[in-house]
Amino acid sequence: MPPAPRFEVYRDNADEWRWRLVVANGNIIADSGEGYASKQGAKRGIESVKSSAPAASVVTKEEE
């Protein structure tokens, strides 16, 4: 059975905390897009995504 998707919390080269969502095949399908000053801040970002994503709509943007 492949491993379940997982959120990884890590420090980047600028010594900031970030998160990324990794799926079973090892691909990163989402990331924090910004660094956080603390690990707790990155974890709060994960919780925000977890609670907000189920209600998110899908919008197709037309080229301008």
C-alpha atoms as a PDB file:
ATOM      1  CA  MET A   1       0.000   0.000   0.000  1.00  0.00           C
ATOM      2  CA  PRO A   2       1.473   3.412  -0.936  1.00  0.00           C
ATOM      3  CA  PRO A   3       2.118   5.861   1.878  1.00  0.00           C
ATOM      4  CA  ALA A   4      -0.594   8.412   2.595  1.00  0.00           C
ATOM      5  CA  PRO A   5      -0.132  12.048   1.593  1.00  0.00           C
ATOM      6  CA  ARG A   6       1.783  13.971   4.228  1.00  0.00           C
ATOM      7  CA  PHE A   7       2.636  17.508   5.221  1.00  0.00           C
ATOM      8  CA  GLU A   8       6.361  18.046   5.789  1.00  0.00           C
ATOM      9  CA  VAL A   9       7.643  20.952   7.906  1.00  0.00           C
ATOM     10  CA  TYR A  10      11.244  21.985   7.266  1.00  0.00           C
ATOM     11  CA  ARG A  11      13.752  24.852   7.427  1.00  0.00           C
ATOM     12  CA  ASP A  12      14.760  26.469   4.152  1.00  0.00           C
ATOM     13  CA  ASN A  13      18.124  27.964   3.162  1.00  0.00           C
ATOM     14  CA  ALA A  14      17.088  31.335   4.647  1.00  0.00           C
ATOM     15  CA  ASP A  15      16.517  29.579   8.018  1.00  0.00           C
ATOM     16  CA  GLU A  16      12.741  30.073   7.779  1.00  0.00           C
ATOM     17  CA  TRP A  17      10.128  27.382   8.399  1.00  0.00           C
ATOM     18  CA  ARG A  18       8.048  26.107   5.487  1.00  0.00           C
ATOM     19  CA  TRP A  19       5.621  23.291   4.758  1.00  0.00           C
ATOM     20  CA  ARG A  20       4.935  21.169   1.708  1.00  0.00           C
ATOM     21  CA  LEU A  21       2.284  18.583   0.875  1.00  0.00           C
ATOM     22  CA  VAL A  22       3.827  15.408  -0.545  1.00  0.00           C
ATOM     23  CA  VAL A  23       1.754  12.634  -2.155  1.00  0.00           C
ATOM     24  CA  ALA A  24       2.447   8.899  -2.314  1.00  0.00           C
ATOM     25  CA  ASN A  25       4.694   9.083  -5.396  1.00  0.00           C
ATOM     26  CA  GLY A  26       6.903  11.712  -3.734  1.00  0.00           C
ATOM     27  CA  ASN A  27       5.635  14.658  -5.770  1.00  0.00           C
ATOM     28  CA  ILE A  28       5.086  17.959  -3.982  1.00  0.00           C
ATOM     29  CA  ILE A  29       1.596  19.174  -4.856  1.00  0.00           C
ATOM     30  CA  ALA A  30       1.434  22.245  -2.589  1.00  0.00           C
ATOM     31  CA  ASP A  31       3.738  24.357  -0.470  1.00  0.00           C
ATOM     32  CA  SER A  32       3.580  27.281   1.918  1.00  0.00           C
ATOM     33  CA  GLY A  33       4.717  29.814  -0.657  1.00  0.00           C
ATOM     34  CA  GLU A  34       6.256  31.831   2.169  1.00  0.00           C
ATOM     35  CA  GLY A  35       8.632  31.271   5.049  1.00  0.00           C
ATOM     36  CA  TYR A  36       7.555  31.442   8.679  1.00  0.00           C
ATOM     37  CA  ALA A  37       9.626  32.693  11.609  1.00  0.00           C
ATOM     38  CA  SER A  38       8.654  29.688  13.738  1.00  0.00           C
ATOM     39  CA  LYS A  39       7.811  26.030  13.283  1.00  0.00           C
ATOM     40  CA  GLN A  40       4.511  26.727  15.055  1.00  0.00           C
ATOM     41  CA  GLY A  41       3.687  29.372  12.423  1.00  0.00           C
ATOM     42  CA  ALA A  42       4.241  26.810   9.656  1.00  0.00           C
ATOM     43  CA  LYS A  43       2.022  24.319  11.486  1.00  0.00           C
ATOM     44  CA  ARG A  44      -0.712  26.971  11.792  1.00  0.00           C
ATOM     45  CA  GLY A  45      -0.428  27.450   8.031  1.00  0.00           C
ATOM     46  CA  ILE A  46      -1.015  23.720   7.530  1.00  0.00           C
ATOM     47  CA  GLU A  47      -4.074  23.808   9.779  1.00  0.00           C
ATOM     48  CA  SER A  48      -5.419  26.795   7.842  1.00  0.00           C
ATOM     49  CA  VAL A  49      -5.106  24.887   4.554  1.00  0.00           C
ATOM     50  CA  LYS A  50      -6.719  21.778   6.057  1.00  0.00           C
ATOM     51  CA  SER A  51      -9.720  23.728   7.350  1.00  0.00           C
ATOM     52  CA  SER A  52     -10.151  26.023   4.324  1.00  0.00           C
ATOM     53  CA  ALA A  53      -9.568  23.690   1.387  1.00  0.00           C
ATOM     54  CA  PRO A  54     -12.791  21.627   1.545  1.00  0.00           C
ATOM     55  CA  ALA A  55     -14.850  24.768   0.896  1.00  0.00           C
ATOM     56  CA  ALA A  56     -12.598  26.131  -1.850  1.00  0.00           C
ATOM     57  CA  SER A  57     -14.099  26.481  -5.292  1.00  0.00           C
ATOM     58  CA  VAL A  58     -12.314  25.789  -8.575  1.00  0.00           C
ATOM     59  CA  VAL A  59     -12.109  28.767 -10.921  1.00  0.00           C
ATOM     60  CA  THR A  60     -10.697  28.740 -14.451  1.00  0.00           C
ATOM     61  CA  LYS A  61      -8.981  31.987 -15.291  1.00  0.00           C
ATOM     62  CA  GLU A  62      -9.083  33.004 -18.926  1.00  0.00           C
ATOM     63  CA  GLU A  63      -5.938  34.410 -20.489  1.00  0.00           C
ATOM     64  CA  GLU A  64      -5.944  38.176 -20.770  1.00  0.00           C
END
